[in-house]
Amino acid sequence: MNRWHELLADVEAQAEAQAEREREGHASERTRLEVARTLLVERFTAAVGDQIQISIGAAGPVRGIVESVGPDWVLLGDAGAGHEHLVMLAAVTSVTGLGPQARSVESSAVLDRLDAAWALRRLARDRAQVRLRVRDGQAHGGTLEAVGTDYLDLVDDSIPAARDSRARSVTVRLAALAVLTRT
């Protein structure tokens, strides 16, 4: 009778071990599916308050503390220099220091309008002094003058004042903008 109990106990142990492996497999698959559905903007949202470095191809790296995140931008604060960097998500090539956590971004008509053009228009309204870098590495500094649907105008302070103000005006496609730093 003892052998039967041992045999049944062994079969039950094997069945339980198989069930545990299946549960672990399902949990791993669920985790992989969750990661597969995660957007980078959700990882930035979970990183508010964290120090990170963002690489932006030819425009170079930007370091700072994640202060805020929009649908197509992330704002990094640089406490040491007193600057804020508005980084376009489309220009990001890699991120160092970003944790694996993600926080869902609620979508609404209001939040969706808080895109990079909205943030840039607020800076233009304040006639902010900025330094911007485009994806190919070019840099311009000056006063943010205007923001259109797909471009911004900057009065380049490094160009001497001329009779024709157009000589100092630089127009940049928003799609080419990598990072804008408020100085």
N, C-alpha and C. Protein backbone atom coordinates (compact mmCIF):
# COMPACT_ATOMS: atom_id res chain seq x y z
N MET A 1 0.81 -1.18 0.00
CA MET A 1 0.00 0.00 0.00
C MET A 1 0.87 1.26 0.00
N ASN A 2 1.99 1.18 0.67
CA ASN A 2 2.90 2.29 0.77
C ASN A 2 3.45 2.68 -0.61
N ARG A 3 3.72 1.64 -1.46
CA ARG A 3 4.24 1.93 -2.81
C ARG A 3 3.21 2.71 -3.62
N TRP A 4 1.92 2.38 -3.45
CA TRP A 4 0.88 3.10 -4.18
C TRP A 4 0.84 4.57 -3.75
N HIS A 5 0.96 4.82 -2.51
CA HIS A 5 0.98 6.20 -2.02
C HIS A 5 2.18 6.95 -2.57
N GLU A 6 3.33 6.27 -2.59
CA GLU A 6 4.53 6.89 -3.14
C GLU A 6 4.36 7.18 -4.63
N LEU A 7 3.80 6.23 -5.35
CA LEU A 7 3.58 6.40 -6.78
C LEU A 7 2.61 7.55 -7.04
N LEU A 8 1.51 7.59 -6.32
CA LEU A 8 0.52 8.66 -6.48
C LEU A 8 1.12 10.01 -6.08
N ALA A 9 1.89 10.04 -5.02
CA ALA A 9 2.53 11.28 -4.59
C ALA A 9 3.50 11.77 -5.66
N ASP A 10 4.23 10.84 -6.27
CA ASP A 10 5.17 11.19 -7.33
C ASP A 10 4.43 11.75 -8.54
N VAL A 11 3.33 11.12 -8.93
CA VAL A 11 2.53 11.60 -10.07
C VAL A 11 1.95 12.98 -9.76
N GLU A 12 1.45 13.18 -8.55
CA GLU A 12 0.92 14.49 -8.16
C GLU A 12 2.01 15.56 -8.18
N ALA A 13 3.19 15.22 -7.70
CA ALA A 13 4.30 16.17 -7.70
C ALA A 13 4.69 16.56 -9.12
N GLN A 14 4.72 15.57 -10.03
CA GLN A 14 5.04 15.85 -11.42
C GLN A 14 3.97 16.73 -12.06
N ALA A 15 2.71 16.45 -11.77
CA ALA A 15 1.61 17.25 -12.31
C ALA A 15 1.68 18.69 -11.79
N GLU A 16 1.97 18.84 -10.51
CA GLU A 16 2.09 20.18 -9.92
C GLU A 16 3.26 20.93 -10.52
N ALA A 17 4.39 20.26 -10.72
CA ALA A 17 5.56 20.88 -11.33
C ALA A 17 5.25 21.33 -12.76
N GLN A 18 4.53 20.49 -13.51
CA GLN A 18 4.14 20.85 -14.87
C GLN A 18 3.21 22.06 -14.86
N ALA A 19 2.26 22.07 -13.94
CA ALA A 19 1.33 23.20 -13.83
C ALA A 19 2.08 24.49 -13.49
N GLU A 20 3.06 24.39 -12.61
CA GLU A 20 3.86 25.56 -12.22
C GLU A 20 4.66 26.09 -13.41
N ARG A 21 5.25 25.19 -14.21
CA ARG A 21 5.98 25.60 -15.41
C ARG A 21 5.05 26.31 -16.38
N GLU A 22 3.84 25.81 -16.53
CA GLU A 22 2.87 26.44 -17.43
C GLU A 22 2.47 27.83 -16.92
N ARG A 23 2.27 27.96 -15.59
CA ARG A 23 1.93 29.28 -15.02
C ARG A 23 3.07 30.27 -15.26
N GLU A 24 4.31 29.82 -15.04
CA GLU A 24 5.46 30.68 -15.27
C GLU A 24 5.56 31.07 -16.74
N GLY A 25 5.29 30.13 -17.62
CA GLY A 25 5.32 30.41 -19.05
C GLY A 25 4.27 31.42 -19.44
N HIS A 26 3.06 31.30 -18.87
CA HIS A 26 2.00 32.26 -19.17
C HIS A 26 2.35 33.64 -18.61
N ALA A 27 2.93 33.67 -17.41
CA ALA A 27 3.32 34.95 -16.81
C ALA A 27 4.41 35.61 -17.66
N SER A 28 5.38 34.84 -18.12
CA SER A 28 6.44 35.38 -18.97
C SER A 28 5.87 35.90 -20.28
N GLU A 29 4.94 35.17 -20.85
CA GLU A 29 4.31 35.60 -22.10
C GLU A 29 3.52 36.89 -21.89
N ARG A 30 2.79 36.99 -20.77
CA ARG A 30 2.05 38.23 -20.47
C ARG A 30 3.01 39.40 -20.33
N THR A 31 4.14 39.18 -19.66
CA THR A 31 5.13 40.24 -19.49
C THR A 31 5.68 40.67 -20.84
N ARG A 32 6.00 39.71 -21.70
CA ARG A 32 6.51 40.05 -23.04
C ARG A 32 5.47 40.83 -23.83
N LEU A 33 4.20 40.47 -23.73
CA LEU A 33 3.14 41.20 -24.43
C LEU A 33 2.99 42.62 -23.89
N GLU A 34 3.08 42.77 -22.57
CA GLU A 34 2.99 44.11 -21.99
C GLU A 34 4.14 44.99 -22.47
N VAL A 35 5.35 44.46 -22.48
CA VAL A 35 6.51 45.22 -22.95
C VAL A 35 6.34 45.55 -24.44
N ALA A 36 5.84 44.62 -25.22
CA ALA A 36 5.67 44.85 -26.65
C ALA A 36 4.69 45.98 -26.93
N ARG A 37 3.77 46.23 -26.03
CA ARG A 37 2.76 47.28 -26.22
C ARG A 37 3.17 48.62 -25.62
N THR A 38 4.32 48.67 -24.95
CA THR A 38 4.77 49.88 -24.26
C THR A 38 5.38 50.88 -25.25
N LEU A 39 5.00 52.14 -25.09
CA LEU A 39 5.55 53.22 -25.90
C LEU A 39 6.67 53.91 -25.13
N LEU A 40 7.63 54.47 -25.84
CA LEU A 40 8.73 55.18 -25.20
C LEU A 40 8.21 56.35 -24.37
N VAL A 41 7.20 57.05 -24.86
CA VAL A 41 6.64 58.18 -24.11
C VAL A 41 6.11 57.71 -22.75
N GLU A 42 5.62 56.47 -22.66
CA GLU A 42 5.13 55.93 -21.38
C GLU A 42 6.30 55.68 -20.42
N ARG A 43 7.44 55.30 -20.95
CA ARG A 43 8.62 55.10 -20.11
C ARG A 43 9.15 56.43 -19.61
N PHE A 44 9.13 57.46 -20.48
CA PHE A 44 9.54 58.79 -20.05
C PHE A 44 8.58 59.31 -18.97
N THR A 45 7.30 59.07 -19.12
CA THR A 45 6.30 59.52 -18.14
C THR A 45 6.57 58.89 -16.77
N ALA A 46 6.95 57.63 -16.76
CA ALA A 46 7.28 56.96 -15.49
C ALA A 46 8.59 57.46 -14.90
N ALA A 47 9.41 58.13 -15.70
CA ALA A 47 10.74 58.57 -15.26
C ALA A 47 10.77 60.01 -14.76
N VAL A 48 9.60 60.66 -14.63
CA VAL A 48 9.59 62.04 -14.14
C VAL A 48 10.32 62.09 -12.79
N GLY A 49 11.29 63.01 -12.70
CA GLY A 49 12.11 63.13 -11.50
C GLY A 49 13.44 62.41 -11.59
N ASP A 50 13.63 61.58 -12.62
CA ASP A 50 14.87 60.81 -12.78
C ASP A 50 15.88 61.55 -13.66
N GLN A 51 17.16 61.34 -13.38
CA GLN A 51 18.25 61.87 -14.19
C GLN A 51 18.50 60.91 -15.35
N ILE A 52 18.51 61.43 -16.59
CA ILE A 52 18.76 60.60 -17.77
C ILE A 52 19.66 61.35 -18.74
N GLN A 53 20.13 60.64 -19.74
CA GLN A 53 20.85 61.23 -20.87
C GLN A 53 20.19 60.75 -22.15
N ILE A 54 19.88 61.69 -23.02
CA ILE A 54 19.26 61.36 -24.30
C ILE A 54 20.25 61.65 -25.41
N SER A 55 20.48 60.68 -26.28
CA SER A 55 21.31 60.89 -27.47
C SER A 55 20.41 61.27 -28.62
N ILE A 56 20.89 62.26 -29.38
CA ILE A 56 20.07 62.78 -30.48
C ILE A 56 20.91 62.81 -31.76
N GLY A 57 21.54 61.71 -32.07
CA GLY A 57 22.32 61.61 -33.30
C GLY A 57 23.34 62.72 -33.42
N ALA A 58 23.39 63.38 -34.57
CA ALA A 58 24.36 64.43 -34.84
C ALA A 58 24.18 65.65 -33.94
N ALA A 59 22.99 65.80 -33.35
CA ALA A 59 22.74 66.94 -32.47
C ALA A 59 23.38 66.76 -31.09
N GLY A 60 23.89 65.56 -30.82
CA GLY A 60 24.61 65.31 -29.58
C GLY A 60 23.72 64.93 -28.41
N PRO A 61 24.35 64.69 -27.24
CA PRO A 61 23.59 64.26 -26.07
C PRO A 61 23.00 65.43 -25.28
N VAL A 62 21.96 65.13 -24.53
CA VAL A 62 21.34 66.09 -23.61
C VAL A 62 21.14 65.35 -22.30
N ARG A 63 21.56 65.97 -21.19
CA ARG A 63 21.41 65.37 -19.87
C ARG A 63 20.49 66.24 -19.02
N GLY A 64 19.75 65.60 -18.14
CA GLY A 64 18.93 66.37 -17.22
C GLY A 64 17.94 65.49 -16.49
N ILE A 65 17.13 66.14 -15.70
CA ILE A 65 16.09 65.47 -14.93
C ILE A 65 14.78 65.60 -15.69
N VAL A 66 14.09 64.49 -15.87
CA VAL A 66 12.81 64.51 -16.59
C VAL A 66 11.82 65.33 -15.75
N GLU A 67 11.36 66.46 -16.32
CA GLU A 67 10.43 67.34 -15.61
C GLU A 67 9.00 67.15 -16.07
N SER A 68 8.83 66.98 -17.37
CA SER A 68 7.48 66.87 -17.93
C SER A 68 7.56 66.12 -19.26
N VAL A 69 6.43 65.56 -19.67
CA VAL A 69 6.38 64.79 -20.91
C VAL A 69 5.09 65.13 -21.66
N GLY A 70 5.22 65.35 -22.95
CA GLY A 70 4.05 65.59 -23.81
C GLY A 70 3.93 64.47 -24.81
N PRO A 71 2.98 64.58 -25.71
CA PRO A 71 2.77 63.49 -26.67
C PRO A 71 3.94 63.27 -27.63
N ASP A 72 4.74 64.33 -27.88
CA ASP A 72 5.87 64.20 -28.80
C ASP A 72 7.13 64.89 -28.30
N TRP A 73 7.21 65.15 -27.01
CA TRP A 73 8.37 65.83 -26.43
C TRP A 73 8.58 65.40 -24.99
N VAL A 74 9.81 65.64 -24.51
CA VAL A 74 10.15 65.45 -23.10
C VAL A 74 10.96 66.67 -22.67
N LEU A 75 10.65 67.19 -21.48
CA LEU A 75 11.35 68.36 -20.96
C LEU A 75 12.33 67.91 -19.89
N LEU A 76 13.61 68.24 -20.12
CA LEU A 76 14.66 67.91 -19.15
C LEU A 76 15.14 69.20 -18.49
N GLY A 77 15.26 69.16 -17.17
CA GLY A 77 15.80 70.29 -16.44
C GLY A 77 17.26 70.05 -16.14
N ASP A 78 18.05 71.09 -16.25
CA ASP A 78 19.47 71.03 -15.96
C ASP A 78 19.72 72.01 -14.82
N ALA A 79 19.55 71.54 -13.60
CA ALA A 79 19.61 72.41 -12.42
C ALA A 79 20.94 73.14 -12.31
N GLY A 80 22.04 72.47 -12.65
CA GLY A 80 23.35 73.09 -12.54
C GLY A 80 23.50 74.32 -13.42
N ALA A 81 23.04 74.25 -14.64
CA ALA A 81 23.18 75.36 -15.58
C ALA A 81 21.94 76.25 -15.62
N GLY A 82 20.85 75.80 -15.00
CA GLY A 82 19.63 76.60 -15.01
C GLY A 82 18.91 76.60 -16.35
N HIS A 83 19.15 75.59 -17.17
CA HIS A 83 18.52 75.50 -18.48
C HIS A 83 17.42 74.44 -18.48
N GLU A 84 16.52 74.56 -19.43
CA GLU A 84 15.54 73.51 -19.69
C GLU A 84 15.70 73.11 -21.15
N HIS A 85 15.63 71.80 -21.40
CA HIS A 85 15.80 71.27 -22.75
C HIS A 85 14.49 70.62 -23.20
N LEU A 86 13.91 71.12 -24.26
CA LEU A 86 12.72 70.53 -24.85
C LEU A 86 13.20 69.60 -25.96
N VAL A 87 13.10 68.29 -25.73
CA VAL A 87 13.63 67.30 -26.67
C VAL A 87 12.47 66.69 -27.46
N MET A 88 12.61 66.67 -28.78
CA MET A 88 11.59 66.08 -29.64
C MET A 88 11.76 64.56 -29.63
N LEU A 89 10.71 63.83 -29.29
CA LEU A 89 10.81 62.37 -29.21
C LEU A 89 11.21 61.75 -30.54
N ALA A 90 10.78 62.33 -31.63
CA ALA A 90 11.11 61.77 -32.95
C ALA A 90 12.61 61.84 -33.23
N ALA A 91 13.34 62.70 -32.51
CA ALA A 91 14.77 62.85 -32.74
C ALA A 91 15.61 61.95 -31.83
N VAL A 92 15.00 61.33 -30.83
CA VAL A 92 15.73 60.51 -29.86
C VAL A 92 16.26 59.25 -30.54
N THR A 93 17.57 59.02 -30.36
CA THR A 93 18.16 57.79 -30.90
C THR A 93 18.40 56.75 -29.80
N SER A 94 18.73 57.21 -28.58
CA SER A 94 18.89 56.29 -27.45
C SER A 94 18.79 57.07 -26.14
N VAL A 95 18.56 56.32 -25.05
CA VAL A 95 18.41 56.93 -23.73
C VAL A 95 19.22 56.10 -22.74
N THR A 96 19.99 56.78 -21.89
CA THR A 96 20.73 56.13 -20.82
C THR A 96 20.10 56.54 -19.50
N GLY A 97 19.86 55.55 -18.62
CA GLY A 97 19.33 55.83 -17.31
C GLY A 97 17.82 55.74 -17.20
N LEU A 98 17.16 55.30 -18.26
CA LEU A 98 15.71 55.18 -18.27
C LEU A 98 15.32 53.82 -17.68
N GLY A 99 14.51 53.83 -16.64
CA GLY A 99 14.10 52.58 -15.99
C GLY A 99 13.12 51.80 -16.86
N PRO A 100 12.84 50.55 -16.47
CA PRO A 100 11.94 49.71 -17.26
C PRO A 100 10.46 50.01 -17.03
N GLN A 101 10.15 50.80 -16.00
CA GLN A 101 8.76 51.09 -15.69
C GLN A 101 8.13 51.94 -16.79
N ALA A 102 6.82 51.80 -16.89
CA ALA A 102 6.04 52.60 -17.84
C ALA A 102 4.78 53.05 -17.14
N ARG A 103 4.30 54.22 -17.52
CA ARG A 103 3.05 54.74 -16.99
C ARG A 103 2.18 55.11 -18.18
N SER A 104 0.99 54.53 -18.23
CA SER A 104 0.07 54.80 -19.33
C SER A 104 -0.19 56.29 -19.45
N VAL A 105 -0.26 56.74 -20.68
CA VAL A 105 -0.55 58.13 -20.96
C VAL A 105 -2.01 58.21 -21.39
N GLU A 106 -2.78 58.93 -20.60
CA GLU A 106 -4.19 59.09 -20.93
C GLU A 106 -4.30 60.00 -22.15
N SER A 107 -5.11 59.61 -23.09
CA SER A 107 -5.30 60.40 -24.29
C SER A 107 -6.62 61.16 -24.16
N SER A 108 -6.57 62.43 -24.50
CA SER A 108 -7.78 63.24 -24.53
C SER A 108 -7.57 64.35 -25.55
N ALA A 109 -8.63 64.98 -25.96
CA ALA A 109 -8.52 66.05 -26.94
C ALA A 109 -7.63 67.17 -26.42
N VAL A 110 -7.73 67.47 -25.13
CA VAL A 110 -6.93 68.54 -24.54
C VAL A 110 -5.46 68.13 -24.47
N LEU A 111 -5.17 66.95 -23.92
CA LEU A 111 -3.77 66.51 -23.79
C LEU A 111 -3.10 66.33 -25.14
N ASP A 112 -3.84 65.85 -26.12
CA ASP A 112 -3.26 65.65 -27.45
C ASP A 112 -2.83 66.96 -28.09
N ARG A 113 -3.46 68.07 -27.69
CA ARG A 113 -3.09 69.39 -28.24
C ARG A 113 -1.84 69.96 -27.58
N LEU A 114 -1.39 69.36 -26.49
CA LEU A 114 -0.20 69.85 -25.79
C LEU A 114 1.06 69.27 -26.42
N ASP A 115 1.14 69.41 -27.73
CA ASP A 115 2.28 68.86 -28.47
C ASP A 115 3.43 69.86 -28.49
N ALA A 116 4.48 69.52 -29.21
CA ALA A 116 5.67 70.37 -29.26
C ALA A 116 5.34 71.75 -29.81
N ALA A 117 4.49 71.85 -30.82
CA ALA A 117 4.14 73.16 -31.39
C ALA A 117 3.48 74.03 -30.31
N TRP A 118 2.63 73.43 -29.48
CA TRP A 118 1.99 74.18 -28.40
C TRP A 118 3.04 74.72 -27.44
N ALA A 119 3.99 73.86 -27.02
CA ALA A 119 5.04 74.29 -26.09
C ALA A 119 5.90 75.39 -26.72
N LEU A 120 6.23 75.24 -27.99
CA LEU A 120 7.05 76.23 -28.68
C LEU A 120 6.31 77.56 -28.83
N ARG A 121 5.01 77.52 -29.07
CA ARG A 121 4.23 78.77 -29.18
C ARG A 121 4.23 79.54 -27.86
N ARG A 122 4.19 78.82 -26.76
CA ARG A 122 4.26 79.48 -25.44
C ARG A 122 5.60 80.20 -25.29
N LEU A 123 6.68 79.55 -25.73
CA LEU A 123 7.99 80.18 -25.67
C LEU A 123 8.07 81.38 -26.61
N ALA A 124 7.49 81.28 -27.79
CA ALA A 124 7.50 82.39 -28.74
C ALA A 124 6.69 83.57 -28.18
N ARG A 125 5.59 83.27 -27.53
CA ARG A 125 4.76 84.33 -26.93
C ARG A 125 5.58 85.12 -25.90
N ASP A 126 6.45 84.42 -25.17
CA ASP A 126 7.31 85.07 -24.17
C ASP A 126 8.58 85.65 -24.78
N ARG A 127 8.74 85.51 -26.10
CA ARG A 127 9.95 85.96 -26.82
C ARG A 127 11.20 85.43 -26.13
N ALA A 128 11.17 84.13 -25.87
CA ALA A 128 12.23 83.46 -25.13
C ALA A 128 13.53 83.42 -25.92
N GLN A 129 14.63 83.55 -25.18
CA GLN A 129 15.96 83.36 -25.73
C GLN A 129 16.24 81.86 -25.71
N VAL A 130 16.57 81.31 -26.86
CA VAL A 130 16.75 79.87 -26.98
C VAL A 130 17.99 79.54 -27.79
N ARG A 131 18.40 78.30 -27.65
CA ARG A 131 19.44 77.71 -28.50
C ARG A 131 18.82 76.42 -29.00
N LEU A 132 18.82 76.24 -30.31
CA LEU A 132 18.23 75.02 -30.85
C LEU A 132 19.23 74.26 -31.68
N ARG A 133 19.04 72.95 -31.68
CA ARG A 133 19.86 72.06 -32.50
C ARG A 133 18.93 71.24 -33.37
N VAL A 134 19.28 71.15 -34.63
CA VAL A 134 18.49 70.33 -35.54
C VAL A 134 19.16 68.97 -35.68
N ARG A 135 18.45 68.04 -36.28
CA ARG A 135 18.92 66.65 -36.33
C ARG A 135 20.27 66.48 -37.01
N ASP A 136 20.59 67.35 -37.97
CA ASP A 136 21.87 67.19 -38.66
C ASP A 136 23.03 67.82 -37.90
N GLY A 137 22.76 68.38 -36.70
CA GLY A 137 23.82 68.93 -35.87
C GLY A 137 23.95 70.44 -35.91
N GLN A 138 23.30 71.10 -36.87
CA GLN A 138 23.36 72.55 -36.91
C GLN A 138 22.77 73.13 -35.63
N ALA A 139 23.33 74.28 -35.22
CA ALA A 139 22.83 74.95 -34.02
C ALA A 139 22.58 76.42 -34.33
N HIS A 140 21.54 76.97 -33.72
CA HIS A 140 21.20 78.37 -33.86
C HIS A 140 20.77 78.90 -32.50
N GLY A 141 21.11 80.14 -32.23
CA GLY A 141 20.68 80.77 -30.99
C GLY A 141 20.00 82.08 -31.29
N GLY A 142 19.08 82.45 -30.43
CA GLY A 142 18.41 83.72 -30.64
C GLY A 142 17.07 83.77 -29.95
N THR A 143 16.21 84.61 -30.50
CA THR A 143 14.88 84.82 -29.95
C THR A 143 13.87 84.06 -30.78
N LEU A 144 13.08 83.23 -30.10
CA LEU A 144 12.03 82.50 -30.79
C LEU A 144 10.95 83.49 -31.19
N GLU A 145 10.75 83.65 -32.49
CA GLU A 145 9.88 84.69 -33.03
C GLU A 145 8.45 84.20 -33.27
N ALA A 146 8.31 83.07 -33.95
CA ALA A 146 6.97 82.59 -34.31
C ALA A 146 7.03 81.08 -34.54
N VAL A 147 5.86 80.44 -34.36
CA VAL A 147 5.76 79.00 -34.60
C VAL A 147 4.54 78.75 -35.46
N GLY A 148 4.76 78.16 -36.63
CA GLY A 148 3.67 77.81 -37.52
C GLY A 148 3.27 76.36 -37.33
N THR A 149 2.53 75.86 -38.26
CA THR A 149 2.07 74.47 -38.19
C THR A 149 3.23 73.50 -38.27
N ASP A 150 4.19 73.77 -39.15
CA ASP A 150 5.30 72.83 -39.33
C ASP A 150 6.67 73.51 -39.37
N TYR A 151 6.77 74.71 -38.81
CA TYR A 151 8.05 75.42 -38.80
C TYR A 151 8.11 76.37 -37.61
N LEU A 152 9.32 76.86 -37.33
CA LEU A 152 9.49 77.95 -36.37
C LEU A 152 10.43 78.96 -36.97
N ASP A 153 10.28 80.22 -36.55
CA ASP A 153 11.17 81.30 -36.96
C ASP A 153 11.95 81.76 -35.75
N LEU A 154 13.24 81.94 -35.97
CA LEU A 154 14.15 82.36 -34.93
C LEU A 154 14.91 83.57 -35.43
N VAL A 155 15.03 84.61 -34.62
CA VAL A 155 15.88 85.74 -34.96
C VAL A 155 17.26 85.40 -34.40
N ASP A 156 18.20 85.13 -35.30
CA ASP A 156 19.53 84.68 -34.92
C ASP A 156 20.35 85.85 -34.40
N ASP A 157 20.66 85.83 -33.11
CA ASP A 157 21.38 86.92 -32.48
C ASP A 157 22.85 86.97 -32.87
N SER A 158 23.38 85.92 -33.47
CA SER A 158 24.79 85.92 -33.85
C SER A 158 25.03 86.65 -35.16
N ILE A 159 23.95 86.93 -35.90
CA ILE A 159 24.06 87.66 -37.17
C ILE A 159 23.85 89.15 -36.87
N PRO A 160 24.79 90.00 -37.28
CA PRO A 160 24.64 91.43 -36.99
C PRO A 160 23.32 91.98 -37.55
N ALA A 161 22.77 92.94 -36.81
CA ALA A 161 21.52 93.58 -37.24
C ALA A 161 21.75 94.23 -38.60
N ALA A 162 20.79 94.09 -39.47
CA ALA A 162 20.87 94.66 -40.81
C ALA A 162 19.57 95.40 -41.08
N ARG A 163 19.57 96.16 -42.14
CA ARG A 163 18.34 96.86 -42.51
C ARG A 163 17.22 95.87 -42.77
N ASP A 164 17.55 94.82 -43.46
CA ASP A 164 16.56 93.80 -43.81
C ASP A 164 16.55 92.75 -42.71
N SER A 165 15.50 92.75 -41.90
CA SER A 165 15.43 91.83 -40.76
C SER A 165 15.40 90.37 -41.21
N ARG A 166 15.07 90.13 -42.48
CA ARG A 166 15.05 88.75 -42.98
C ARG A 166 16.43 88.14 -42.99
N ALA A 167 17.46 88.94 -43.03
CA ALA A 167 18.84 88.43 -43.03
C ALA A 167 19.17 87.75 -41.70
N ARG A 168 18.47 88.10 -40.63
CA ARG A 168 18.71 87.51 -39.31
C ARG A 168 17.72 86.41 -38.98
N SER A 169 16.73 86.22 -39.82
CA SER A 169 15.68 85.25 -39.54
C SER A 169 16.07 83.86 -40.05
N VAL A 170 15.92 82.88 -39.19
CA VAL A 170 16.19 81.48 -39.55
C VAL A 170 14.88 80.72 -39.38
N THR A 171 14.48 80.02 -40.41
CA THR A 171 13.28 79.19 -40.35
C THR A 171 13.70 77.73 -40.30
N VAL A 172 13.13 77.00 -39.34
CA VAL A 172 13.48 75.59 -39.14
C VAL A 172 12.20 74.76 -39.19
N ARG A 173 12.23 73.69 -39.97
CA ARG A 173 11.09 72.76 -39.99
C ARG A 173 10.99 72.08 -38.63
N LEU A 174 9.80 71.99 -38.08
CA LEU A 174 9.63 71.33 -36.79
C LEU A 174 10.08 69.87 -36.86
N ALA A 175 9.89 69.23 -38.00
CA ALA A 175 10.30 67.82 -38.15
C ALA A 175 11.82 67.67 -38.05
N ALA A 176 12.58 68.76 -38.31
CA ALA A 176 14.04 68.70 -38.25
C ALA A 176 14.56 69.08 -36.86
N LEU A 177 13.72 69.67 -36.03
CA LEU A 177 14.15 70.11 -34.70
C LEU A 177 14.46 68.91 -33.82
N ALA A 178 15.61 68.94 -33.15
CA ALA A 178 15.99 67.87 -32.23
C ALA A 178 15.79 68.30 -30.78
N VAL A 179 16.37 69.45 -30.43
CA VAL A 179 16.26 69.93 -29.04
C VAL A 179 16.30 71.45 -29.04
N LEU A 180 15.50 72.03 -28.17
CA LEU A 180 15.49 73.46 -27.98
C LEU A 180 15.78 73.73 -26.50
N THR A 181 16.79 74.56 -26.25
CA THR A 181 17.19 74.86 -24.88
C THR A 181 16.85 76.31 -24.58
N ARG A 182 16.09 76.51 -23.53
CA ARG A 182 15.78 77.87 -23.09
C ARG A 182 16.96 78.36 -22.27
N THR A 183 17.52 79.50 -22.68
CA THR A 183 18.70 80.04 -22.00
C THR A 183 18.35 81.17 -21.06
